[in-house]
């Protein structure tokens, strides 16, 4: 496997009605989070602890909630909020 990010449960549910510029910022930041998780959990599939706490990330025009799951080598974007 290789680390990646995705919307959960799916893109339509998470970013429906969100301005495209904000979506672009969220996706850039999600890619940064993937690189950080990849460096921290070199082989996520063999990780045996609890998944780390989720977090929030501020981006231009809003914020989003995410969860990293090392065993799945995924960062899930769960909610996007525009302001």
PDB file of N, CA and C in Angstrom:
ATOM      1  N   UNK A   1       0.834  -1.190   0.000  1.00  0.00           N
ATOM      2  CA  UNK A   1       0.000   0.000   0.000  1.00  0.00           C
ATOM      3  C   UNK A   1       0.869   1.240   0.000  1.00  0.00           C
ATOM      4  N   UNK A   2       0.258   2.306  -0.305  1.00  0.00           N
ATOM      5  CA  UNK A   2       0.937   3.586  -0.284  1.00  0.00           C
ATOM      6  C   UNK A   2      -0.014   4.624   0.310  1.00  0.00           C
ATOM      7  N   UNK A   3       0.536   5.529   1.093  1.00  0.00           N
ATOM      8  CA  UNK A   3      -0.284   6.554   1.730  1.00  0.00           C
ATOM      9  C   UNK A   3      -1.001   7.407   0.686  1.00  0.00           C
ATOM     10  N   UNK A   4      -2.234   7.760   1.005  1.00  0.00           N
ATOM     11  CA  UNK A   4      -3.047   8.626   0.147  1.00  0.00           C
ATOM     12  C   UNK A   4      -4.107   9.272   1.032  1.00  0.00           C
ATOM     13  N   UNK A   5      -4.870  10.158   0.453  1.00  0.00           N
ATOM     14  CA  UNK A   5      -5.993  10.758   1.177  1.00  0.00           C
ATOM     15  C   UNK A   5      -7.247  10.546   0.348  1.00  0.00           C
ATOM     16  N   UNK A   6      -8.388  10.597   1.029  1.00  0.00           N
ATOM     17  CA  UNK A   6      -9.660  10.515   0.323  1.00  0.00           C
ATOM     18  C   UNK A   6     -10.759  11.119   1.191  1.00  0.00           C
ATOM     19  N   UNK A   7     -11.863  11.419   0.548  1.00  0.00           N
ATOM     20  CA  UNK A   7     -13.028  11.923   1.266  1.00  0.00           C
ATOM     21  C   UNK A   7     -13.793  10.745   1.862  1.00  0.00           C
ATOM     22  N   UNK A   8     -14.343  10.939   3.058  1.00  0.00           N
ATOM     23  CA  UNK A   8     -15.148   9.877   3.668  1.00  0.00           C
ATOM     24  C   UNK A   8     -16.447  10.491   4.171  1.00  0.00           C
ATOM     25  N   UNK A   9     -17.587  10.001   3.785  1.00  0.00           N
ATOM     26  CA  UNK A   9     -17.780   8.760   3.044  1.00  0.00           C
ATOM     27  C   UNK A   9     -17.492   8.874   1.550  1.00  0.00           C
ATOM     28  N   UNK A  10     -17.690  10.049   0.945  1.00  0.00           N
ATOM     29  CA  UNK A  10     -17.320  10.240  -0.455  1.00  0.00           C
ATOM     30  C   UNK A  10     -17.235  11.741  -0.750  1.00  0.00           C
ATOM     31  N   UNK A  11     -16.675  12.067  -1.897  1.00  0.00           N
ATOM     32  CA  UNK A  11     -16.452  13.468  -2.261  1.00  0.00           C
ATOM     33  C   UNK A  11     -17.754  14.264  -2.321  1.00  0.00           C
ATOM     34  N   UNK A  12     -18.777  13.704  -2.926  1.00  0.00           N
ATOM     35  CA  UNK A  12     -20.040  14.427  -3.070  1.00  0.00           C
ATOM     36  C   UNK A  12     -20.613  14.817  -1.706  1.00  0.00           C
ATOM     37  N   UNK A  13     -20.564  13.913  -0.756  1.00  0.00           N
ATOM     38  CA  UNK A  13     -21.115  14.178   0.567  1.00  0.00           C
ATOM     39  C   UNK A  13     -20.311  15.254   1.305  1.00  0.00           C
ATOM     40  N   UNK A  14     -18.996  15.208   1.202  1.00  0.00           N
ATOM     41  CA  UNK A  14     -18.135  16.094   1.993  1.00  0.00           C
ATOM     42  C   UNK A  14     -18.043  17.498   1.411  1.00  0.00           C
ATOM     43  N   UNK A  15     -17.967  17.632   0.104  1.00  0.00           N
ATOM     44  CA  UNK A  15     -17.730  18.961  -0.475  1.00  0.00           C
ATOM     45  C   UNK A  15     -18.894  19.505  -1.292  1.00  0.00           C
ATOM     46  N   UNK A  16     -20.052  18.910  -1.178  1.00  0.00           N
ATOM     47  CA  UNK A  16     -21.214  19.404  -1.910  1.00  0.00           C
ATOM     48  C   UNK A  16     -21.520  20.840  -1.486  1.00  0.00           C
ATOM     49  N   UNK A  17     -21.528  21.746  -2.439  1.00  0.00           N
ATOM     50  CA  UNK A  17     -21.833  23.151  -2.169  1.00  0.00           C
ATOM     51  C   UNK A  17     -20.660  23.984  -1.703  1.00  0.00           C
ATOM     52  N   UNK A  18     -19.485  23.384  -1.558  1.00  0.00           N
ATOM     53  CA  UNK A  18     -18.297  24.111  -1.123  1.00  0.00           C
ATOM     54  C   UNK A  18     -17.667  24.786  -2.346  1.00  0.00           C
ATOM     55  N   UNK A  19     -17.232  26.049  -2.212  1.00  0.00           N
ATOM     56  CA  UNK A  19     -16.610  26.729  -3.351  1.00  0.00           C
ATOM     57  C   UNK A  19     -15.384  25.963  -3.883  1.00  0.00           C
ATOM     58  N   UNK A  20     -15.229  25.898  -5.197  1.00  0.00           N
ATOM     59  CA  UNK A  20     -14.111  25.164  -5.790  1.00  0.00           C
ATOM     60  C   UNK A  20     -12.742  25.622  -5.294  1.00  0.00           C
ATOM     61  N   UNK A  21     -12.578  26.911  -5.028  1.00  0.00           N
ATOM     62  CA  UNK A  21     -11.280  27.396  -4.535  1.00  0.00           C
ATOM     63  C   UNK A  21     -10.965  26.784  -3.177  1.00  0.00           C
ATOM     64  N   UNK A  22     -11.973  26.668  -2.323  1.00  0.00           N
ATOM     65  CA  UNK A  22     -11.761  26.053  -1.014  1.00  0.00           C
ATOM     66  C   UNK A  22     -11.433  24.575  -1.160  1.00  0.00           C
ATOM     67  N   UNK A  23     -12.118  23.894  -2.051  1.00  0.00           N
ATOM     68  CA  UNK A  23     -11.828  22.477  -2.295  1.00  0.00           C
ATOM     69  C   UNK A  23     -10.364  22.308  -2.710  1.00  0.00           C
ATOM     70  N   UNK A  24      -9.872  23.182  -3.561  1.00  0.00           N
ATOM     71  CA  UNK A  24      -8.471  23.108  -4.003  1.00  0.00           C
ATOM     72  C   UNK A  24      -7.519  23.277  -2.814  1.00  0.00           C
ATOM     73  N   UNK A  25      -7.821  24.214  -1.919  1.00  0.00           N
ATOM     74  CA  UNK A  25      -6.979  24.422  -0.734  1.00  0.00           C
ATOM     75  C   UNK A  25      -7.028  23.202   0.191  1.00  0.00           C
ATOM     76  N   UNK A  26      -8.198  22.625   0.350  1.00  0.00           N
ATOM     77  CA  UNK A  26      -8.341  21.434   1.187  1.00  0.00           C
ATOM     78  C   UNK A  26      -7.509  20.294   0.608  1.00  0.00           C
ATOM     79  N   UNK A  27      -7.577  20.102  -0.684  1.00  0.00           N
ATOM     80  CA  UNK A  27      -6.839  19.004  -1.314  1.00  0.00           C
ATOM     81  C   UNK A  27      -5.333  19.198  -1.229  1.00  0.00           C
ATOM     82  N   UNK A  28      -4.868  20.438  -1.325  1.00  0.00           N
ATOM     83  CA  UNK A  28      -3.434  20.716  -1.158  1.00  0.00           C
ATOM     84  C   UNK A  28      -2.984  20.382   0.263  1.00  0.00           C
ATOM     85  N   UNK A  29      -3.766  20.826   1.243  1.00  0.00           N
ATOM     86  CA  UNK A  29      -3.416  20.574   2.634  1.00  0.00           C
ATOM     87  C   UNK A  29      -3.514  19.085   2.963  1.00  0.00           C
ATOM     88  N   UNK A  30      -4.493  18.397   2.402  1.00  0.00           N
ATOM     89  CA  UNK A  30      -4.617  16.955   2.619  1.00  0.00           C
ATOM     90  C   UNK A  30      -3.380  16.228   2.089  1.00  0.00           C
ATOM     91  N   UNK A  31      -2.857  16.671   0.962  1.00  0.00           N
ATOM     92  CA  UNK A  31      -1.638  16.077   0.411  1.00  0.00           C
ATOM     93  C   UNK A  31      -0.452  16.311   1.345  1.00  0.00           C
ATOM     94  N   UNK A  32      -0.391  17.475   1.985  1.00  0.00           N
ATOM     95  CA  UNK A  32       0.663  17.741   2.972  1.00  0.00           C
ATOM     96  C   UNK A  32       0.525  16.799   4.163  1.00  0.00           C
ATOM     97  N   UNK A  33      -0.699  16.592   4.618  1.00  0.00           N
ATOM     98  CA  UNK A  33      -0.930  15.687   5.743  1.00  0.00           C
ATOM     99  C   UNK A  33      -0.520  14.261   5.402  1.00  0.00           C
ATOM    100  N   UNK A  34      -0.739  13.860   4.173  1.00  0.00           N
ATOM    101  CA  UNK A  34      -0.318  12.531   3.728  1.00  0.00           C
ATOM    102  C   UNK A  34       1.197  12.411   3.799  1.00  0.00           C
ATOM    103  N   UNK A  35       1.911  13.423   3.324  1.00  0.00           N
ATOM    104  CA  UNK A  35       3.378  13.378   3.369  1.00  0.00           C
ATOM    105  C   UNK A  35       3.881  13.304   4.808  1.00  0.00           C
ATOM    106  N   UNK A  36       3.246  14.032   5.706  1.00  0.00           N
ATOM    107  CA  UNK A  36       3.634  14.000   7.118  1.00  0.00           C
ATOM    108  C   UNK A  36       3.355  12.625   7.728  1.00  0.00           C
ATOM    109  N   UNK A  37       2.192  12.062   7.456  1.00  0.00           N
ATOM    110  CA  UNK A  37       1.851  10.743   7.995  1.00  0.00           C
ATOM    111  C   UNK A  37       2.778   9.671   7.436  1.00  0.00           C
ATOM    112  N   UNK A  38       3.115   9.796   6.178  1.00  0.00           N
ATOM    113  CA  UNK A  38       4.011   8.844   5.531  1.00  0.00           C
ATOM    114  C   UNK A  38       5.380   8.853   6.199  1.00  0.00           C
ATOM    115  N   UNK A  39       5.846  10.039   6.590  1.00  0.00           N
ATOM    116  CA  UNK A  39       7.141  10.149   7.260  1.00  0.00           C
ATOM    117  C   UNK A  39       7.070   9.621   8.694  1.00  0.00           C
ATOM    118  N   UNK A  40       5.948   9.823   9.352  1.00  0.00           N
ATOM    119  CA  UNK A  40       5.793   9.397  10.745  1.00  0.00           C
ATOM    120  C   UNK A  40       5.550   7.900  10.860  1.00  0.00           C
ATOM    121  N   UNK A  41       4.764   7.351   9.958  1.00  0.00           N
ATOM    122  CA  UNK A  41       4.426   5.921   9.973  1.00  0.00           C
ATOM    123  C   UNK A  41       4.998   5.285   8.715  1.00  0.00           C
ATOM    124  N   UNK A  42       6.275   4.916   8.763  1.00  0.00           N
ATOM    125  CA  UNK A  42       6.953   4.423   7.568  1.00  0.00           C
ATOM    126  C   UNK A  42       6.277   3.186   6.978  1.00  0.00           C
ATOM    127  N   UNK A  43       5.817   2.290   7.826  1.00  0.00           N
ATOM    128  CA  UNK A  43       5.055   1.136   7.352  1.00  0.00           C
ATOM    129  C   UNK A  43       3.754   1.099   8.129  1.00  0.00           C
ATOM    130  N   UNK A  44       2.806   1.875   7.677  1.00  0.00           N
ATOM    131  CA  UNK A  44       1.540   1.998   8.383  1.00  0.00           C
ATOM    132  C   UNK A  44       0.786   0.693   8.518  1.00  0.00           C
ATOM    133  N   UNK A  45       0.939  -0.201   7.549  1.00  0.00           N
ATOM    134  CA  UNK A  45       0.181  -1.453   7.582  1.00  0.00           C
ATOM    135  C   UNK A  45       0.575  -2.325   8.765  1.00  0.00           C
ATOM    136  N   UNK A  46       1.758  -2.133   9.319  1.00  0.00           N
ATOM    137  CA  UNK A  46       2.174  -2.930  10.471  1.00  0.00           C
ATOM    138  C   UNK A  46       1.977  -2.183  11.794  1.00  0.00           C
ATOM    139  N   UNK A  47       1.381  -1.003  11.747  1.00  0.00           N
ATOM    140  CA  UNK A  47       1.136  -0.204  12.946  1.00  0.00           C
ATOM    141  C   UNK A  47       0.156  -0.942  13.850  1.00  0.00           C
ATOM    142  N   UNK A  48       0.473  -1.014  15.172  1.00  0.00           N
ATOM    143  CA  UNK A  48      -0.352  -1.787  16.089  1.00  0.00           C
ATOM    144  C   UNK A  48      -1.057  -0.958  17.147  1.00  0.00           C
ATOM    145  N   UNK A  49      -0.780   0.314  17.235  1.00  0.00           N
ATOM    146  CA  UNK A  49      -1.408   1.139  18.259  1.00  0.00           C
ATOM    147  C   UNK A  49      -2.766   1.652  17.824  1.00  0.00           C
ATOM    148  N   UNK A  50      -3.341   2.495  18.686  1.00  0.00           N
ATOM    149  CA  UNK A  50      -4.580   3.160  18.332  1.00  0.00           C
ATOM    150  C   UNK A  50      -4.303   4.166  17.226  1.00  0.00           C
ATOM    151  N   UNK A  51      -5.290   4.419  16.397  1.00  0.00           N
ATOM    152  CA  UNK A  51      -5.134   5.471  15.397  1.00  0.00           C
ATOM    153  C   UNK A  51      -4.996   6.801  16.125  1.00  0.00           C
ATOM    154  N   UNK A  52      -4.185   7.697  15.598  1.00  0.00           N
ATOM    155  CA  UNK A  52      -4.028   8.997  16.247  1.00  0.00           C
ATOM    156  C   UNK A  52      -5.343   9.775  16.236  1.00  0.00           C
ATOM    157  N   UNK A  53      -5.446  10.733  17.155  1.00  0.00           N
ATOM    158  CA  UNK A  53      -6.643  11.575  17.167  1.00  0.00           C
ATOM    159  C   UNK A  53      -6.764  12.306  15.843  1.00  0.00           C
ATOM    160  N   UNK A  54      -7.982  12.525  15.434  1.00  0.00           N
ATOM    161  CA  UNK A  54      -8.212  13.324  14.238  1.00  0.00           C
ATOM    162  C   UNK A  54      -7.863  14.775  14.531  1.00  0.00           C
ATOM    163  N   UNK A  55      -8.021  15.603  13.543  1.00  0.00           N
ATOM    164  CA  UNK A  55      -7.684  16.998  13.737  1.00  0.00           C
ATOM    165  C   UNK A  55      -8.470  17.901  12.819  1.00  0.00           C
ATOM    166  N   UNK A  56      -8.198  19.179  12.969  1.00  0.00           N
ATOM    167  CA  UNK A  56      -8.761  20.177  12.076  1.00  0.00           C
ATOM    168  C   UNK A  56      -7.612  20.920  11.430  1.00  0.00           C
ATOM    169  N   UNK A  57      -7.824  21.335  10.222  1.00  0.00           N
ATOM    170  CA  UNK A  57      -6.822  22.102   9.499  1.00  0.00           C
ATOM    171  C   UNK A  57      -7.477  23.350   8.931  1.00  0.00           C
ATOM    172  N   UNK A  58      -6.827  24.470   9.164  1.00  0.00           N
ATOM    173  CA  UNK A  58      -7.308  25.733   8.609  1.00  0.00           C
ATOM    174  C   UNK A  58      -6.683  25.954   7.245  1.00  0.00           C
ATOM    175  N   UNK A  59      -7.506  26.354   6.300  1.00  0.00           N
ATOM    176  CA  UNK A  59      -7.037  26.698   4.962  1.00  0.00           C
ATOM    177  C   UNK A  59      -7.711  27.999   4.561  1.00  0.00           C
ATOM    178  N   UNK A  60      -7.208  28.602   3.516  1.00  0.00           N
ATOM    179  CA  UNK A  60      -7.797  29.848   3.054  1.00  0.00           C
ATOM    180  C   UNK A  60      -9.271  29.644   2.710  1.00  0.00           C
ATOM    181  N   UNK A  61     -10.140  30.373   3.371  1.00  0.00           N
ATOM    182  CA  UNK A  61     -11.569  30.306   3.090  1.00  0.00           C
ATOM    183  C   UNK A  61     -12.350  29.317   3.929  1.00  0.00           C
ATOM    184  N   UNK A  62     -11.671  28.586   4.830  1.00  0.00           N
ATOM    185  CA  UNK A  62     -12.408  27.629   5.644  1.00  0.00           C
ATOM    186  C   UNK A  62     -11.507  26.703   6.435  1.00  0.00           C
ATOM    187  N   UNK A  63     -12.057  25.560   6.749  1.00  0.00           N
ATOM    188  CA  UNK A  63     -11.341  24.551   7.523  1.00  0.00           C
ATOM    189  C   UNK A  63     -11.886  23.171   7.174  1.00  0.00           C
ATOM    190  N   UNK A  64     -11.159  22.138   7.602  1.00  0.00           N
ATOM    191  CA  UNK A  64     -11.677  20.792   7.416  1.00  0.00           C
ATOM    192  C   UNK A  64     -11.253  19.896   8.565  1.00  0.00           C
ATOM    193  N   UNK A  65     -12.036  18.852   8.749  1.00  0.00           N
ATOM    194  CA  UNK A  65     -11.788  17.853   9.776  1.00  0.00           C
ATOM    195  C   UNK A  65     -11.240  16.614   9.079  1.00  0.00           C
ATOM    196  N   UNK A  66     -10.203  16.004   9.678  1.00  0.00           N
ATOM    197  CA  UNK A  66      -9.588  14.835   9.060  1.00  0.00           C
ATOM    198  C   UNK A  66      -9.244  13.785  10.111  1.00  0.00           C
ATOM    199  N   UNK A  67      -8.990  12.585   9.642  1.00  0.00           N
ATOM    200  CA  UNK A  67      -8.566  11.478  10.485  1.00  0.00           C
ATOM    201  C   UNK A  67      -7.517  10.679   9.730  1.00  0.00           C
ATOM    202  N   UNK A  68      -6.369  10.432  10.361  1.00  0.00           N
ATOM    203  CA  UNK A  68      -5.341   9.577   9.776  1.00  0.00           C
ATOM    204  C   UNK A  68      -5.509   8.172  10.343  1.00  0.00           C
ATOM    205  N   UNK A  69      -5.462   7.178   9.481  1.00  0.00           N
ATOM    206  CA  UNK A  69      -5.581   5.782   9.895  1.00  0.00           C
ATOM    207  C   UNK A  69      -4.346   5.037   9.375  1.00  0.00           C
ATOM    208  N   UNK A  70      -3.333   4.871  10.233  1.00  0.00           N
ATOM    209  CA  UNK A  70      -2.070   4.268   9.778  1.00  0.00           C
ATOM    210  C   UNK A  70      -2.217   2.884   9.149  1.00  0.00           C
ATOM    211  N   UNK A  71      -3.031   2.013   9.729  1.00  0.00           N
ATOM    212  CA  UNK A  71      -3.150   0.647   9.191  1.00  0.00           C
ATOM    213  C   UNK A  71      -3.696   0.627   7.771  1.00  0.00           C
ATOM    214  N   UNK A  72      -4.477   1.625   7.424  1.00  0.00           N
ATOM    215  CA  UNK A  72      -5.009   1.719   6.062  1.00  0.00           C
ATOM    216  C   UNK A  72      -4.165   2.649   5.195  1.00  0.00           C
ATOM    217  N   UNK A  73      -3.180   3.301   5.815  1.00  0.00           N
ATOM    218  CA  UNK A  73      -2.339   4.294   5.140  1.00  0.00           C
ATOM    219  C   UNK A  73      -3.190   5.321   4.408  1.00  0.00           C
ATOM    220  N   UNK A  74      -4.147   5.883   5.151  1.00  0.00           N
ATOM    221  CA  UNK A  74      -5.057   6.869   4.592  1.00  0.00           C
ATOM    222  C   UNK A  74      -5.260   8.037   5.534  1.00  0.00           C
ATOM    223  N   UNK A  75      -5.437   9.192   4.937  1.00  0.00           N
ATOM    224  CA  UNK A  75      -5.911  10.371   5.646  1.00  0.00           C
ATOM    225  C   UNK A  75      -7.292  10.629   5.072  1.00  0.00           C
ATOM    226  N   UNK A  76      -8.298  10.593   5.921  1.00  0.00           N
ATOM    227  CA  UNK A  76      -9.674  10.793   5.491  1.00  0.00           C
ATOM    228  C   UNK A  76     -10.110  12.224   5.790  1.00  0.00           C
ATOM    229  N   UNK A  77     -10.618  12.891   4.791  1.00  0.00           N
ATOM    230  CA  UNK A  77     -11.218  14.224   4.961  1.00  0.00           C
ATOM    231  C   UNK A  77     -12.694  13.977   5.226  1.00  0.00           C
ATOM    232  N   UNK A  78     -13.140  14.381   6.422  1.00  0.00           N
ATOM    233  CA  UNK A  78     -14.483  14.030   6.886  1.00  0.00           C
ATOM    234  C   UNK A  78     -15.504  15.143   6.722  1.00  0.00           C
ATOM    235  N   UNK A  79     -15.068  16.394   6.854  1.00  0.00           N
ATOM    236  CA  UNK A  79     -15.996  17.520   6.804  1.00  0.00           C
ATOM    237  C   UNK A  79     -15.242  18.771   6.364  1.00  0.00           C
ATOM    238  N   UNK A  80     -15.862  19.556   5.519  1.00  0.00           N
ATOM    239  CA  UNK A  80     -15.285  20.817   5.064  1.00  0.00           C
ATOM    240  C   UNK A  80     -16.274  21.929   5.407  1.00  0.00           C
ATOM    241  N   UNK A  81     -15.752  22.995   6.006  1.00  0.00           N
ATOM    242  CA  UNK A  81     -16.578  24.132   6.374  1.00  0.00           C
ATOM    243  C   UNK A  81     -16.021  25.399   5.756  1.00  0.00           C
ATOM    244  N   UNK A  82     -16.853  26.117   5.040  1.00  0.00           N
ATOM    245  CA  UNK A  82     -16.445  27.396   4.423  1.00  0.00           C
ATOM    246  C   UNK A  82     -16.852  28.535   5.330  1.00  0.00           C
ATOM    247  N   UNK A  83     -16.097  29.640   5.279  1.00  0.00           N
ATOM    248  CA  UNK A  83     -16.515  30.859   5.958  1.00  0.00           C
ATOM    249  C   UNK A  83     -16.251  32.057   5.132  1.00  0.00           C
TER     250      UNK A  83
END
